[in-house]
Structure formats: C-alpha cells, structure tokens
N, C-alpha and C. Protein backbone atom coordinates (compact mmCIF):
# COMPACT_ATOMS: atom_id res chain seq x y z
N UNK A 1 -8.56 -154.09 -95.36
CA UNK A 1 -7.18 -154.48 -95.04
C UNK A 1 -7.18 -155.46 -93.87
N UNK A 2 -8.00 -155.21 -92.90
CA UNK A 2 -8.18 -156.11 -91.75
C UNK A 2 -6.86 -156.57 -91.13
N UNK A 3 -6.03 -155.66 -90.65
CA UNK A 3 -4.76 -156.08 -90.05
C UNK A 3 -4.99 -156.86 -88.76
N UNK A 4 -4.20 -157.89 -88.58
CA UNK A 4 -4.28 -158.72 -87.37
C UNK A 4 -2.95 -158.65 -86.63
N UNK A 5 -2.96 -158.93 -85.33
CA UNK A 5 -1.70 -158.94 -84.60
C UNK A 5 -0.69 -159.85 -85.28
N UNK A 6 0.51 -159.33 -85.47
CA UNK A 6 1.58 -160.11 -86.09
C UNK A 6 1.62 -160.04 -87.59
N UNK A 7 0.59 -159.51 -88.26
CA UNK A 7 0.64 -159.37 -89.71
C UNK A 7 1.80 -158.45 -90.10
N UNK A 8 2.38 -158.71 -91.25
CA UNK A 8 3.35 -157.81 -91.84
C UNK A 8 2.62 -157.00 -92.91
N UNK A 9 2.52 -155.70 -92.68
CA UNK A 9 1.76 -154.80 -93.55
C UNK A 9 2.70 -153.77 -94.16
N UNK A 10 2.57 -153.55 -95.46
CA UNK A 10 3.32 -152.49 -96.14
C UNK A 10 2.33 -151.41 -96.54
N UNK A 11 2.69 -150.16 -96.29
CA UNK A 11 1.86 -149.01 -96.66
C UNK A 11 2.71 -148.09 -97.52
N UNK A 12 2.29 -147.87 -98.77
CA UNK A 12 3.00 -146.92 -99.61
C UNK A 12 2.43 -145.53 -99.37
N UNK A 13 3.26 -144.50 -99.61
CA UNK A 13 2.91 -143.13 -99.27
C UNK A 13 2.49 -143.07 -97.80
N UNK A 14 3.25 -143.74 -96.96
CA UNK A 14 2.90 -143.93 -95.55
C UNK A 14 2.98 -142.65 -94.73
N UNK A 15 3.56 -141.59 -95.25
CA UNK A 15 3.63 -140.33 -94.52
C UNK A 15 2.61 -139.33 -95.03
N UNK A 16 1.77 -139.74 -95.99
CA UNK A 16 0.74 -138.85 -96.52
C UNK A 16 -0.51 -138.87 -95.66
N UNK A 17 -1.53 -138.16 -96.12
CA UNK A 17 -2.77 -138.04 -95.35
C UNK A 17 -3.43 -139.39 -95.10
N UNK A 18 -3.59 -140.17 -96.14
CA UNK A 18 -4.23 -141.47 -96.00
C UNK A 18 -3.27 -142.48 -95.39
N UNK A 19 -2.06 -142.53 -95.91
CA UNK A 19 -1.09 -143.52 -95.44
C UNK A 19 -0.78 -143.40 -93.97
N UNK A 20 -0.67 -142.19 -93.45
CA UNK A 20 -0.34 -142.03 -92.02
C UNK A 20 -1.46 -142.54 -91.14
N UNK A 21 -2.71 -142.41 -91.58
CA UNK A 21 -3.84 -142.95 -90.81
C UNK A 21 -3.83 -144.48 -90.88
N UNK A 22 -3.57 -145.02 -92.07
CA UNK A 22 -3.50 -146.48 -92.21
C UNK A 22 -2.40 -147.05 -91.33
N UNK A 23 -1.24 -146.40 -91.30
CA UNK A 23 -0.15 -146.86 -90.42
C UNK A 23 -0.62 -146.90 -88.98
N UNK A 24 -1.24 -145.82 -88.51
CA UNK A 24 -1.70 -145.77 -87.11
C UNK A 24 -2.72 -146.87 -86.82
N UNK A 25 -3.65 -147.11 -87.74
CA UNK A 25 -4.66 -148.14 -87.52
C UNK A 25 -4.02 -149.53 -87.48
N UNK A 26 -3.05 -149.76 -88.35
CA UNK A 26 -2.36 -151.07 -88.36
C UNK A 26 -1.53 -151.25 -87.09
N UNK A 27 -0.84 -150.21 -86.66
CA UNK A 27 -0.07 -150.30 -85.41
C UNK A 27 -1.01 -150.54 -84.23
N UNK A 28 -2.16 -149.89 -84.23
CA UNK A 28 -3.14 -150.08 -83.16
C UNK A 28 -3.63 -151.53 -83.14
N UNK A 29 -3.66 -152.18 -84.30
CA UNK A 29 -4.06 -153.59 -84.39
C UNK A 29 -2.89 -154.53 -84.08
N UNK A 30 -1.75 -153.97 -83.71
CA UNK A 30 -0.53 -154.72 -83.35
C UNK A 30 0.08 -155.47 -84.54
N UNK A 31 -0.08 -154.90 -85.73
CA UNK A 31 0.61 -155.43 -86.90
C UNK A 31 2.00 -154.82 -86.97
N UNK A 32 2.89 -155.47 -87.69
CA UNK A 32 4.21 -154.92 -87.98
C UNK A 32 4.08 -154.13 -89.27
N UNK A 33 4.49 -152.85 -89.26
CA UNK A 33 4.25 -151.98 -90.40
C UNK A 33 5.56 -151.50 -91.01
N UNK A 34 5.66 -151.67 -92.32
CA UNK A 34 6.76 -151.11 -93.10
C UNK A 34 6.19 -149.97 -93.91
N UNK A 35 6.71 -148.77 -93.69
CA UNK A 35 6.26 -147.60 -94.42
C UNK A 35 7.18 -147.30 -95.58
N UNK A 36 6.59 -146.99 -96.72
CA UNK A 36 7.35 -146.60 -97.90
C UNK A 36 7.02 -145.14 -98.19
N UNK A 37 8.04 -144.33 -98.40
CA UNK A 37 7.84 -142.91 -98.67
C UNK A 37 9.08 -142.28 -99.23
N UNK A 38 8.99 -141.02 -99.56
CA UNK A 38 10.11 -140.29 -100.13
C UNK A 38 11.24 -140.07 -99.13
N UNK A 39 12.39 -139.68 -99.66
CA UNK A 39 13.58 -139.49 -98.82
C UNK A 39 13.34 -138.49 -97.70
N UNK A 40 12.63 -137.41 -97.99
CA UNK A 40 12.40 -136.36 -96.99
C UNK A 40 11.47 -136.83 -95.87
N UNK A 41 10.81 -137.95 -96.06
CA UNK A 41 9.84 -138.42 -95.07
C UNK A 41 10.37 -139.57 -94.22
N UNK A 42 11.61 -139.96 -94.41
CA UNK A 42 12.14 -141.11 -93.70
C UNK A 42 12.21 -140.89 -92.19
N UNK A 43 12.49 -139.69 -91.73
CA UNK A 43 12.53 -139.43 -90.28
C UNK A 43 11.14 -139.61 -89.68
N UNK A 44 10.11 -139.11 -90.36
CA UNK A 44 8.73 -139.29 -89.89
C UNK A 44 8.37 -140.78 -89.86
N UNK A 45 8.74 -141.50 -90.91
CA UNK A 45 8.42 -142.93 -90.97
C UNK A 45 9.17 -143.71 -89.89
N UNK A 46 10.39 -143.27 -89.56
CA UNK A 46 11.15 -143.94 -88.51
C UNK A 46 10.43 -143.84 -87.16
N UNK A 47 9.71 -142.75 -86.96
CA UNK A 47 8.97 -142.55 -85.71
C UNK A 47 7.66 -143.32 -85.68
N UNK A 48 7.06 -143.57 -86.84
CA UNK A 48 5.70 -144.12 -86.86
C UNK A 48 5.62 -145.58 -87.30
N UNK A 49 6.64 -146.08 -87.96
CA UNK A 49 6.60 -147.45 -88.51
C UNK A 49 7.66 -148.32 -87.85
N UNK A 50 7.50 -149.63 -87.99
CA UNK A 50 8.49 -150.56 -87.46
C UNK A 50 9.74 -150.59 -88.33
N UNK A 51 9.56 -150.35 -89.61
CA UNK A 51 10.67 -150.25 -90.57
C UNK A 51 10.20 -149.32 -91.69
N UNK A 52 11.14 -148.79 -92.44
CA UNK A 52 10.78 -147.86 -93.51
C UNK A 52 11.75 -147.99 -94.67
N UNK A 53 11.25 -147.68 -95.85
CA UNK A 53 12.01 -147.80 -97.08
C UNK A 53 11.75 -146.56 -97.93
N UNK A 54 12.79 -146.06 -98.58
CA UNK A 54 12.64 -144.91 -99.47
C UNK A 54 12.17 -145.38 -100.85
N UNK A 55 11.13 -144.73 -101.33
CA UNK A 55 10.63 -145.06 -102.67
C UNK A 55 11.59 -144.60 -103.75
N UNK A 56 12.55 -143.74 -103.39
CA UNK A 56 13.53 -143.24 -104.35
C UNK A 56 14.78 -144.10 -104.42
N UNK A 57 14.89 -145.08 -103.56
CA UNK A 57 16.09 -145.90 -103.51
C UNK A 57 16.26 -146.67 -104.82
N UNK A 58 17.48 -146.67 -105.37
CA UNK A 58 17.71 -147.46 -106.59
C UNK A 58 17.60 -148.97 -106.32
N UNK A 59 17.63 -149.34 -105.05
CA UNK A 59 17.50 -150.76 -104.68
C UNK A 59 16.23 -150.98 -103.85
N UNK A 60 15.13 -150.34 -104.27
CA UNK A 60 13.87 -150.41 -103.54
C UNK A 60 13.45 -151.85 -103.24
N UNK A 61 13.47 -152.72 -104.25
CA UNK A 61 13.03 -154.10 -104.06
C UNK A 61 13.90 -154.81 -103.01
N UNK A 62 15.21 -154.63 -103.10
CA UNK A 62 16.11 -155.26 -102.11
C UNK A 62 15.94 -154.64 -100.73
N UNK A 63 15.74 -153.33 -100.67
CA UNK A 63 15.53 -152.67 -99.38
C UNK A 63 14.25 -153.18 -98.72
N UNK A 64 13.20 -153.35 -99.52
CA UNK A 64 11.95 -153.86 -98.98
C UNK A 64 12.11 -155.30 -98.51
N UNK A 65 12.80 -156.10 -99.29
CA UNK A 65 13.06 -157.50 -98.91
C UNK A 65 13.79 -157.54 -97.57
N UNK A 66 14.79 -156.69 -97.41
CA UNK A 66 15.55 -156.64 -96.15
C UNK A 66 14.66 -156.20 -94.99
N UNK A 67 13.80 -155.20 -95.22
CA UNK A 67 12.91 -154.72 -94.17
C UNK A 67 11.93 -155.81 -93.74
N UNK A 68 11.54 -156.67 -94.67
CA UNK A 68 10.61 -157.77 -94.35
C UNK A 68 11.28 -158.86 -93.52
N UNK A 69 12.60 -158.91 -93.55
CA UNK A 69 13.31 -159.90 -92.74
C UNK A 69 12.97 -161.35 -93.07
N UNK A 70 12.70 -161.62 -94.33
CA UNK A 70 12.40 -162.99 -94.74
C UNK A 70 10.93 -163.38 -94.59
N UNK A 71 10.12 -162.48 -94.05
CA UNK A 71 8.69 -162.76 -93.88
C UNK A 71 7.92 -162.35 -95.13
N UNK A 72 6.88 -163.09 -95.48
CA UNK A 72 6.02 -162.66 -96.58
C UNK A 72 5.10 -161.53 -96.12
N UNK A 73 4.67 -160.71 -97.05
CA UNK A 73 3.80 -159.58 -96.74
C UNK A 73 2.36 -160.07 -96.71
N UNK A 74 1.67 -159.81 -95.58
CA UNK A 74 0.28 -160.25 -95.40
C UNK A 74 -0.73 -159.25 -95.96
N UNK A 75 -0.38 -157.96 -95.94
CA UNK A 75 -1.33 -156.94 -96.39
C UNK A 75 -0.56 -155.75 -96.96
N UNK A 76 -1.16 -155.13 -97.98
CA UNK A 76 -0.53 -153.99 -98.65
C UNK A 76 -1.59 -152.93 -98.91
N UNK A 77 -1.39 -151.74 -98.35
CA UNK A 77 -2.25 -150.60 -98.66
C UNK A 77 -1.51 -149.78 -99.70
N UNK A 78 -1.98 -149.83 -100.92
CA UNK A 78 -1.28 -149.29 -102.08
C UNK A 78 -1.82 -147.92 -102.47
N UNK A 79 -1.05 -146.89 -102.18
CA UNK A 79 -1.40 -145.52 -102.56
C UNK A 79 -0.70 -145.08 -103.85
N UNK A 80 0.26 -145.88 -104.33
CA UNK A 80 1.16 -145.39 -105.38
C UNK A 80 1.24 -146.22 -106.64
N UNK A 81 1.13 -147.53 -106.53
CA UNK A 81 1.36 -148.38 -107.69
C UNK A 81 2.84 -148.40 -108.05
N UNK A 82 3.14 -148.63 -109.30
CA UNK A 82 4.50 -148.54 -109.83
C UNK A 82 5.49 -149.51 -109.23
N UNK A 83 6.71 -149.06 -109.09
CA UNK A 83 7.81 -149.90 -108.63
C UNK A 83 7.56 -150.45 -107.22
N UNK A 84 6.93 -149.65 -106.36
CA UNK A 84 6.64 -150.14 -105.01
C UNK A 84 5.68 -151.32 -105.08
N UNK A 85 4.62 -151.20 -105.87
CA UNK A 85 3.66 -152.30 -106.00
C UNK A 85 4.32 -153.54 -106.58
N UNK A 86 5.20 -153.36 -107.55
CA UNK A 86 5.92 -154.49 -108.14
C UNK A 86 6.77 -155.19 -107.08
N UNK A 87 7.47 -154.41 -106.26
CA UNK A 87 8.33 -154.98 -105.22
C UNK A 87 7.51 -155.74 -104.18
N UNK A 88 6.36 -155.18 -103.80
CA UNK A 88 5.49 -155.86 -102.83
C UNK A 88 4.95 -157.15 -103.41
N UNK A 89 4.51 -157.12 -104.66
CA UNK A 89 3.94 -158.32 -105.30
C UNK A 89 4.92 -159.48 -105.26
N UNK A 90 6.20 -159.18 -105.41
CA UNK A 90 7.22 -160.24 -105.41
C UNK A 90 7.42 -160.85 -104.02
N UNK A 91 6.97 -160.16 -102.98
CA UNK A 91 7.17 -160.63 -101.60
C UNK A 91 5.87 -161.00 -100.91
N UNK A 92 4.81 -161.11 -101.68
CA UNK A 92 3.48 -161.32 -101.12
C UNK A 92 3.28 -162.73 -100.61
N UNK A 93 2.59 -162.83 -99.48
CA UNK A 93 2.08 -164.13 -99.02
C UNK A 93 1.02 -164.57 -100.03
N UNK A 94 0.80 -165.89 -100.17
CA UNK A 94 -0.18 -166.35 -101.16
C UNK A 94 -1.57 -165.76 -100.97
N UNK A 95 -1.94 -165.42 -99.74
CA UNK A 95 -3.27 -164.87 -99.47
C UNK A 95 -3.21 -163.39 -99.06
N UNK A 96 -2.20 -162.68 -99.58
CA UNK A 96 -2.05 -161.27 -99.23
C UNK A 96 -3.30 -160.47 -99.59
N UNK A 97 -3.65 -159.53 -98.69
CA UNK A 97 -4.75 -158.61 -98.94
C UNK A 97 -4.16 -157.31 -99.48
N UNK A 98 -4.64 -156.89 -100.65
CA UNK A 98 -4.07 -155.74 -101.35
C UNK A 98 -5.18 -154.73 -101.56
N UNK A 99 -5.09 -153.58 -100.88
CA UNK A 99 -6.06 -152.52 -101.04
C UNK A 99 -5.50 -151.51 -102.03
N UNK A 100 -6.25 -151.29 -103.11
CA UNK A 100 -5.85 -150.36 -104.16
C UNK A 100 -6.50 -149.02 -103.89
N UNK A 101 -5.73 -148.08 -103.37
CA UNK A 101 -6.28 -146.77 -103.02
C UNK A 101 -5.87 -145.70 -104.01
N UNK A 102 -4.65 -145.78 -104.53
CA UNK A 102 -4.16 -144.77 -105.45
C UNK A 102 -3.08 -145.32 -106.34
N UNK A 103 -2.72 -144.51 -107.32
CA UNK A 103 -1.69 -144.93 -108.27
C UNK A 103 -0.91 -143.72 -108.77
N UNK A 104 -0.50 -142.87 -107.83
CA UNK A 104 0.12 -141.60 -108.22
C UNK A 104 1.35 -141.79 -109.10
N UNK A 105 2.06 -142.88 -108.94
CA UNK A 105 3.26 -143.09 -109.75
C UNK A 105 2.90 -143.33 -111.21
N UNK A 106 1.65 -143.68 -111.48
CA UNK A 106 1.24 -143.99 -112.84
C UNK A 106 0.26 -143.00 -113.44
N UNK A 107 -0.04 -141.92 -112.75
CA UNK A 107 -1.07 -141.00 -113.24
C UNK A 107 -0.76 -140.45 -114.62
N UNK A 108 0.49 -140.27 -114.93
CA UNK A 108 0.84 -139.71 -116.24
C UNK A 108 1.54 -140.73 -117.13
N UNK A 109 1.34 -142.00 -116.84
CA UNK A 109 2.00 -143.05 -117.62
C UNK A 109 0.95 -143.97 -118.24
N UNK A 110 1.33 -144.60 -119.31
CA UNK A 110 0.44 -145.55 -119.98
C UNK A 110 0.89 -146.96 -119.60
N UNK A 111 0.54 -147.36 -118.35
CA UNK A 111 0.95 -148.66 -117.85
C UNK A 111 -0.26 -149.35 -117.22
N UNK A 112 -0.18 -150.65 -117.14
CA UNK A 112 -1.25 -151.43 -116.52
C UNK A 112 -1.20 -151.27 -115.01
N UNK A 113 -2.34 -150.97 -114.41
CA UNK A 113 -2.43 -150.92 -112.96
C UNK A 113 -3.76 -151.50 -112.57
N UNK A 114 -3.80 -152.34 -111.60
CA UNK A 114 -2.64 -152.84 -110.87
C UNK A 114 -1.86 -153.82 -111.71
N UNK A 115 -0.63 -154.12 -111.26
CA UNK A 115 0.13 -155.12 -112.01
C UNK A 115 -0.64 -156.43 -112.00
N UNK A 116 -0.49 -157.23 -113.03
CA UNK A 116 -1.24 -158.49 -113.05
C UNK A 116 -0.87 -159.37 -111.87
N UNK A 117 -1.85 -160.16 -111.37
CA UNK A 117 -1.55 -161.05 -110.25
C UNK A 117 -0.44 -162.03 -110.63
N UNK A 118 0.32 -162.43 -109.62
CA UNK A 118 1.36 -163.42 -109.86
C UNK A 118 0.71 -164.73 -110.26
N UNK A 119 1.39 -165.52 -111.05
CA UNK A 119 0.83 -166.78 -111.51
C UNK A 119 0.94 -167.88 -110.46
N UNK A 120 1.77 -167.68 -109.44
CA UNK A 120 1.96 -168.72 -108.43
C UNK A 120 0.99 -168.58 -107.25
N UNK A 121 0.04 -167.68 -107.35
CA UNK A 121 -0.93 -167.55 -106.27
C UNK A 121 -2.32 -167.35 -106.86
N UNK A 122 -3.27 -168.01 -106.27
CA UNK A 122 -4.66 -167.86 -106.70
C UNK A 122 -5.50 -167.19 -105.63
N UNK A 123 -4.93 -166.97 -104.45
CA UNK A 123 -5.72 -166.49 -103.33
C UNK A 123 -5.47 -165.03 -103.00
N UNK A 124 -4.57 -164.37 -103.69
CA UNK A 124 -4.32 -162.97 -103.40
C UNK A 124 -5.61 -162.18 -103.58
N UNK A 125 -5.96 -161.39 -102.59
CA UNK A 125 -7.19 -160.60 -102.63
C UNK A 125 -6.85 -159.15 -102.93
N UNK A 126 -7.43 -158.62 -104.00
CA UNK A 126 -7.25 -157.22 -104.35
C UNK A 126 -8.60 -156.53 -104.32
N UNK A 127 -8.64 -155.38 -103.69
CA UNK A 127 -9.88 -154.63 -103.61
C UNK A 127 -9.58 -153.16 -103.78
N UNK A 128 -10.32 -152.53 -104.67
CA UNK A 128 -10.17 -151.08 -104.84
C UNK A 128 -10.87 -150.38 -103.69
N UNK A 129 -10.26 -149.32 -103.20
CA UNK A 129 -10.84 -148.56 -102.10
C UNK A 129 -11.27 -147.19 -102.61
N UNK A 130 -12.57 -146.96 -102.59
CA UNK A 130 -13.13 -145.65 -102.91
C UNK A 130 -14.02 -145.26 -101.73
N UNK A 131 -13.75 -144.13 -101.12
CA UNK A 131 -14.50 -143.71 -99.95
C UNK A 131 -16.00 -143.66 -100.22
N UNK A 132 -16.38 -143.32 -101.44
CA UNK A 132 -17.81 -143.22 -101.76
C UNK A 132 -18.51 -144.58 -101.73
N UNK A 133 -17.76 -145.67 -101.77
CA UNK A 133 -18.36 -147.00 -101.66
C UNK A 133 -18.79 -147.32 -100.23
N UNK A 134 -18.39 -146.47 -99.28
CA UNK A 134 -18.64 -146.74 -97.87
C UNK A 134 -19.44 -145.64 -97.18
N UNK A 135 -20.23 -144.90 -97.93
CA UNK A 135 -20.98 -143.76 -97.38
C UNK A 135 -21.81 -144.17 -96.17
N UNK A 136 -22.42 -145.35 -96.22
CA UNK A 136 -23.28 -145.79 -95.11
C UNK A 136 -22.49 -146.06 -93.84
N UNK A 137 -21.18 -146.20 -93.94
CA UNK A 137 -20.34 -146.49 -92.77
C UNK A 137 -19.59 -145.26 -92.26
N UNK A 138 -19.75 -144.12 -92.93
CA UNK A 138 -18.99 -142.93 -92.56
C UNK A 138 -19.21 -142.51 -91.12
N UNK A 139 -20.44 -142.45 -90.67
CA UNK A 139 -20.72 -141.98 -89.31
C UNK A 139 -20.01 -142.85 -88.28
N UNK A 140 -20.11 -144.16 -88.44
CA UNK A 140 -19.44 -145.07 -87.51
C UNK A 140 -17.92 -144.90 -87.58
N UNK A 141 -17.39 -144.78 -88.78
CA UNK A 141 -15.95 -144.62 -88.94
C UNK A 141 -15.46 -143.32 -88.30
N UNK A 142 -16.20 -142.25 -88.52
CA UNK A 142 -15.82 -140.96 -87.93
C UNK A 142 -15.86 -141.04 -86.41
N UNK A 143 -16.87 -141.70 -85.87
CA UNK A 143 -16.96 -141.85 -84.41
C UNK A 143 -15.77 -142.64 -83.87
N UNK A 144 -15.43 -143.74 -84.53
CA UNK A 144 -14.30 -144.57 -84.08
C UNK A 144 -12.98 -143.82 -84.19
N UNK A 145 -12.77 -143.14 -85.32
CA UNK A 145 -11.52 -142.39 -85.50
C UNK A 145 -11.43 -141.22 -84.52
N UNK A 146 -12.56 -140.59 -84.21
CA UNK A 146 -12.56 -139.48 -83.25
C UNK A 146 -12.11 -139.94 -81.88
N UNK A 147 -12.57 -141.11 -81.46
CA UNK A 147 -12.14 -141.66 -80.17
C UNK A 147 -10.63 -141.92 -80.20
N UNK A 148 -10.16 -142.45 -81.31
CA UNK A 148 -8.72 -142.73 -81.42
C UNK A 148 -7.91 -141.44 -81.44
N UNK A 149 -8.46 -140.40 -82.04
CA UNK A 149 -7.76 -139.12 -82.13
C UNK A 149 -7.77 -138.39 -80.80
N UNK A 150 -8.92 -138.36 -80.15
CA UNK A 150 -9.08 -137.60 -78.92
C UNK A 150 -8.86 -138.42 -77.66
N UNK A 151 -9.17 -139.70 -77.73
CA UNK A 151 -9.18 -140.54 -76.54
C UNK A 151 -7.84 -141.13 -76.18
N UNK A 152 -7.40 -142.13 -76.90
CA UNK A 152 -6.20 -142.86 -76.47
C UNK A 152 -4.91 -142.41 -77.14
N UNK A 153 -4.99 -141.46 -78.05
CA UNK A 153 -3.79 -140.90 -78.63
C UNK A 153 -3.08 -141.76 -79.67
N UNK A 154 -3.70 -142.87 -80.08
CA UNK A 154 -3.01 -143.73 -81.05
C UNK A 154 -3.09 -143.15 -82.46
N UNK A 155 -3.92 -142.12 -82.65
CA UNK A 155 -4.03 -141.47 -83.95
C UNK A 155 -3.69 -140.00 -83.78
N UNK A 156 -2.75 -139.53 -84.57
CA UNK A 156 -2.30 -138.14 -84.50
C UNK A 156 -2.74 -137.40 -85.76
N UNK A 157 -3.16 -136.15 -85.60
CA UNK A 157 -3.46 -135.33 -86.77
C UNK A 157 -2.14 -134.79 -87.30
N UNK A 158 -1.79 -135.21 -88.50
CA UNK A 158 -0.53 -134.79 -89.12
C UNK A 158 -0.90 -133.91 -90.31
N UNK A 159 -0.37 -132.69 -90.33
CA UNK A 159 -0.75 -131.73 -91.37
C UNK A 159 0.44 -130.93 -91.87
N UNK A 160 0.41 -130.59 -93.15
CA UNK A 160 1.33 -129.63 -93.76
C UNK A 160 0.45 -128.46 -94.19
N UNK A 161 0.62 -127.31 -93.52
CA UNK A 161 -0.27 -126.18 -93.74
C UNK A 161 0.46 -125.07 -94.51
N UNK A 162 -0.19 -124.61 -95.58
CA UNK A 162 0.28 -123.46 -96.35
C UNK A 162 -0.67 -122.30 -96.03
N UNK A 163 -0.16 -121.09 -95.93
CA UNK A 163 -1.00 -119.95 -95.58
C UNK A 163 -1.28 -119.09 -96.80
N UNK A 164 -2.55 -118.71 -96.93
CA UNK A 164 -2.94 -117.78 -97.99
C UNK A 164 -3.47 -118.48 -99.23
N UNK A 165 -4.61 -118.02 -99.71
CA UNK A 165 -5.23 -118.59 -100.90
C UNK A 165 -4.30 -118.47 -102.11
N UNK A 166 -3.44 -117.47 -102.11
CA UNK A 166 -2.51 -117.30 -103.22
C UNK A 166 -1.52 -118.46 -103.31
N UNK A 167 -1.37 -119.22 -102.22
CA UNK A 167 -0.45 -120.36 -102.21
C UNK A 167 -1.13 -121.68 -102.52
N UNK A 168 -2.40 -121.63 -102.91
CA UNK A 168 -3.12 -122.86 -103.26
C UNK A 168 -2.43 -123.64 -104.38
N UNK A 169 -2.06 -123.00 -105.49
CA UNK A 169 -1.37 -123.76 -106.54
C UNK A 169 -0.06 -124.38 -106.05
N UNK A 170 0.70 -123.64 -105.27
CA UNK A 170 1.97 -124.15 -104.73
C UNK A 170 1.71 -125.35 -103.81
N UNK A 171 0.67 -125.26 -102.98
CA UNK A 171 0.33 -126.36 -102.08
C UNK A 171 -0.08 -127.60 -102.86
N UNK A 172 -0.85 -127.41 -103.93
CA UNK A 172 -1.29 -128.55 -104.74
C UNK A 172 -0.10 -129.23 -105.42
N UNK A 173 0.76 -128.44 -106.03
CA UNK A 173 1.94 -129.01 -106.70
C UNK A 173 2.83 -129.71 -105.68
N UNK A 174 2.99 -129.11 -104.52
CA UNK A 174 3.80 -129.71 -103.46
C UNK A 174 3.22 -131.06 -103.03
N UNK A 175 1.90 -131.11 -102.87
CA UNK A 175 1.24 -132.36 -102.48
C UNK A 175 1.43 -133.43 -103.56
N UNK A 176 1.22 -133.06 -104.81
CA UNK A 176 1.34 -134.05 -105.89
C UNK A 176 2.79 -134.52 -106.06
N UNK A 177 3.74 -133.70 -105.64
CA UNK A 177 5.15 -134.10 -105.70
C UNK A 177 5.56 -134.89 -104.45
N UNK A 178 4.65 -135.02 -103.50
CA UNK A 178 4.95 -135.79 -102.30
C UNK A 178 5.75 -135.04 -101.26
N UNK A 179 5.68 -133.71 -101.29
CA UNK A 179 6.49 -132.92 -100.36
C UNK A 179 5.82 -132.73 -99.00
N UNK A 180 4.53 -133.03 -98.90
CA UNK A 180 3.84 -132.84 -97.62
C UNK A 180 3.96 -134.08 -96.74
N UNK A 181 3.83 -133.85 -95.44
CA UNK A 181 3.68 -134.95 -94.48
C UNK A 181 2.28 -134.80 -93.92
N UNK A 182 1.49 -135.86 -93.97
CA UNK A 182 0.11 -135.81 -93.52
C UNK A 182 -0.77 -135.09 -94.52
N UNK A 183 -1.83 -134.52 -94.03
CA UNK A 183 -2.82 -133.83 -94.87
C UNK A 183 -2.28 -132.48 -95.30
N UNK A 184 -2.38 -132.19 -96.61
CA UNK A 184 -1.98 -130.90 -97.13
C UNK A 184 -3.18 -129.95 -97.03
N UNK A 185 -2.98 -128.82 -96.36
CA UNK A 185 -4.05 -127.84 -96.14
C UNK A 185 -3.60 -126.47 -96.56
N UNK A 186 -4.57 -125.64 -96.93
CA UNK A 186 -4.32 -124.23 -97.20
C UNK A 186 -5.21 -123.42 -96.28
N UNK A 187 -4.58 -122.62 -95.41
CA UNK A 187 -5.32 -121.74 -94.50
C UNK A 187 -5.62 -120.45 -95.26
N UNK A 188 -6.92 -120.15 -95.41
CA UNK A 188 -7.30 -118.96 -96.17
C UNK A 188 -7.57 -117.76 -95.28
N UNK A 189 -7.81 -117.98 -93.98
CA UNK A 189 -7.96 -116.87 -93.04
C UNK A 189 -7.70 -117.38 -91.63
N UNK A 190 -7.50 -116.44 -90.73
CA UNK A 190 -7.24 -116.82 -89.33
C UNK A 190 -8.48 -116.96 -88.54
C-alpha cells in the first residue's frame, strides 16, 4: 500500500481486525484515511479515521465522493469487494494502489472479483495480499508493530471478546456478519 503523507487512502472493513491496523498504519504515515464500515461501526470510525462512510448507505458512491472532497483516491485497502470496490474504482487516481485482501461481500455470489480495471487508466496497480506470501518478513513486521503497539501508542489493540467455547459458533457468525470491532476472539478459560 505504501501510504505517503497527504495520500488519500480508503480502507474497507476499516473497523475490523485487519482494517483497523491498516487505518492506524496509514494515519501514522500522515495519509488522509476514509474508513468504510457498517452502520454500527461509524462511531469507532469517527474516532480513528479522517472521514467515514457506511457500507449500508443507499448512496454509498455519492457518500464516498463527498468524503473524498473532490480528490482522487491514491490507495485502497480492499477487504470487501462489491459495491465499495466499485465506488472506489470510479474515484481512483490513474496510478492508484489497490491491495486486494478480502472479498467478503462476494463470498456467496457468482461475480467477478476484482472488478475489471477501468479503461481510462493503464497504471492502476492491483496486488493481492496473502500473509503467507510474506513469511520471511514476519519477524521484522512483528517487531515494528510491537513498537507501535507498546511504544508510541499509534496502534491500539481493538478486540471483540466472546466468553466460553460454547459461544464459538455465535462469535464466528457475528464476525462474518461484521458485528465485531477489531479482532474477534473467544476466551475459553480465565
């Protein structure tokens, strides 16, 4: 993603486990961040992002356009695909960096993902993100994130915790429905 100071970055599922870390890293790089998430997560996004948009809004594309304030989007961390990805594609800078991390909106649909590149740009960069592609960098990444978590406070551990192994199915369904903020965890013992 390589956020730079002044970049306009959009993060979908910005209140989830991955999205909330991406938001913090982009803010730490002094980028302007627009978070997209469900209605119940808008208060969290208001605290962590420069602007936020509800993925449930019937006017998602217009809401995102307004949040961008006429600026093109320089980078997109895509956790969801679907309507959010379509709206971002329409507002992309010609050389936008697009990280494909997830496609939860399309998991049960027979649709093309990612959406085809726009015909008016040849420089848009799309890259799929799979953690297993970066195994050799894990130790360095963990060390850097640990400093950010423990040292300067720019990274917060955000968790939704369910208690009891009997609640594992409920926690999983809740996570897949987008009801958690941050990492969804199940505490099995004290």
